Protein backbone atom coordinates (compact mmCIF):
# COMPACT_ATOMS: atom_id res chain seq x y z
CA MET A 1 96.30 91.23 119.99
CA THR A 2 93.46 90.72 122.42
CA ASP A 3 90.69 93.15 123.32
CA ASP A 4 92.10 93.85 126.68
CA SER A 5 95.38 95.16 125.39
CA ASP A 6 96.60 98.43 126.76
CA ALA A 7 97.20 101.53 124.44
CA ASN A 8 101.00 100.68 124.00
CA ASP A 9 99.97 97.48 122.39
CA GLN A 10 97.88 99.04 119.66
CA PRO A 11 98.95 98.27 116.13
CA ASP A 12 100.45 101.22 114.24
CA TRP A 13 97.32 101.88 112.21
CA ALA A 14 95.44 102.66 115.45
CA ALA A 15 97.60 105.55 116.13
CA TYR A 16 94.85 107.82 114.70
CA GLN A 17 93.00 107.39 117.96
CA ASN A 18 95.73 109.23 119.81
CA LEU A 19 95.70 112.18 117.27
CA THR A 20 93.99 115.41 118.16
CA PRO A 21 91.10 116.40 115.80
CA THR A 22 93.34 119.07 114.40
CA ALA A 23 96.09 116.64 113.68
CA GLN A 24 93.63 114.19 112.15
CA THR A 25 92.35 116.95 109.87
CA CYS A 26 95.89 118.04 108.86
CA LEU A 27 96.81 114.39 108.04
CA LEU A 28 93.73 114.12 105.90
CA LEU A 29 94.42 117.44 104.18
CA VAL A 30 98.06 116.52 103.47
CA ALA A 31 96.81 113.21 101.98
CA SER A 32 94.26 114.96 99.80
CA TYR A 33 96.85 117.32 98.20
CA ASP A 34 99.02 114.19 97.42
CA GLY A 35 102.39 115.58 98.15
CA ASP A 36 101.56 119.09 96.95
CA ALA A 37 100.46 120.48 100.39
CA TRP A 38 102.15 123.45 101.67
CA ARG A 39 102.17 124.52 105.34
CA GLY A 40 100.01 127.72 104.86
CA LEU A 41 97.43 125.90 102.81
CA ILE A 42 97.03 123.08 105.24
CA ALA A 43 96.91 125.53 108.27
CA GLN A 44 94.28 127.74 106.49
CA ALA A 45 92.11 124.76 105.61
CA ALA A 46 92.35 123.24 109.16
CA GLN A 47 91.55 126.65 110.66
CA GLU A 48 88.41 127.08 108.44
CA GLY A 49 87.18 123.49 109.24
CA LEU A 50 87.88 123.49 112.93
CA GLU A 51 88.03 127.09 113.93
CA VAL A 52 91.45 126.72 115.43
CA SER A 53 94.36 129.16 115.31
CA ASP A 54 97.02 129.20 112.60
CA ARG A 55 99.65 128.38 115.25
CA HIS A 56 97.70 125.31 116.61
CA ALA A 57 97.31 123.93 112.99
CA ARG A 58 101.09 124.49 112.37
CA ARG A 59 101.99 122.87 115.63
CA SER A 60 99.84 119.88 114.63
CA LEU A 61 101.74 119.59 111.31
CA ALA A 62 104.99 119.74 113.24
CA ASP A 63 103.75 117.00 115.54
CA LEU A 64 102.77 114.91 112.61
CA GLU A 65 106.09 115.27 111.08
CA SER A 66 107.96 114.42 114.28
CA THR A 67 105.95 111.19 114.71
CA GLY A 68 106.74 110.18 111.08
CA LEU A 69 103.30 110.46 109.67
CA VAL A 70 104.02 113.17 107.20
CA GLU A 71 107.37 114.48 105.90
CA SER A 72 108.33 117.88 104.50
CA THR A 73 110.40 119.00 101.72
CA GLY A 74 111.15 122.40 100.14
CA PRO A 75 113.69 124.99 99.35
CA ASN A 76 113.34 126.74 102.75
CA LYS A 77 111.30 126.35 105.90
CA HIS A 78 108.79 129.02 104.93
CA ARG A 79 107.58 127.11 101.86
CA GLN A 80 107.79 123.53 102.99
CA THR A 81 105.58 121.04 101.17
CA TYR A 82 104.14 117.97 102.94
CA SER A 83 103.46 114.37 101.92
CA VAL A 84 102.16 111.45 103.79
CA THR A 85 104.61 108.67 104.70
CA ASP A 86 104.02 105.01 104.58
CA ASP A 87 103.25 105.07 108.34
CA GLY A 88 100.81 107.96 107.71
CA ARG A 89 99.04 105.94 105.02
CA GLU A 90 98.69 103.10 107.48
CA VAL A 91 97.15 105.48 109.99
CA LEU A 92 94.72 106.76 107.33
CA THR A 93 93.77 103.03 106.49
CA GLY A 94 92.98 102.57 110.23
CA MET A 95 90.80 105.68 110.17
CA ARG A 96 88.96 104.57 107.07
CA GLU A 97 88.38 101.01 108.53
CA SER A 98 87.24 102.39 111.88
CA LEU A 99 84.75 104.73 110.10
CA GLY A 100 83.54 101.93 108.00
CA ARG A 101 82.89 99.76 110.99
CA THR A 102 81.02 102.57 112.68
CA LEU A 103 78.89 103.22 109.61
CA GLU A 104 77.88 99.59 109.22
């Protein structure tokens, strides 16, 4: 890929650049709970860190799920737990590498 590629030519790991700050935070929080993250916990933590509404944090989780970066499981939709997918791990790797380059 060349430097003058458009946004549609980005590698999958660069998808983090298109995530909102709330979605980025939710993805990081799901990863930090290693498959044990439930919707209310993630929404609460995102709210505290970003001062966003519960609805906005939950919407970000739904968006992450629809794009395939996280997946949910659980006995019912009120207590869904989330885990990061392989695509989500690739996005997290891209975030880490970008931060590393910035801090060098």
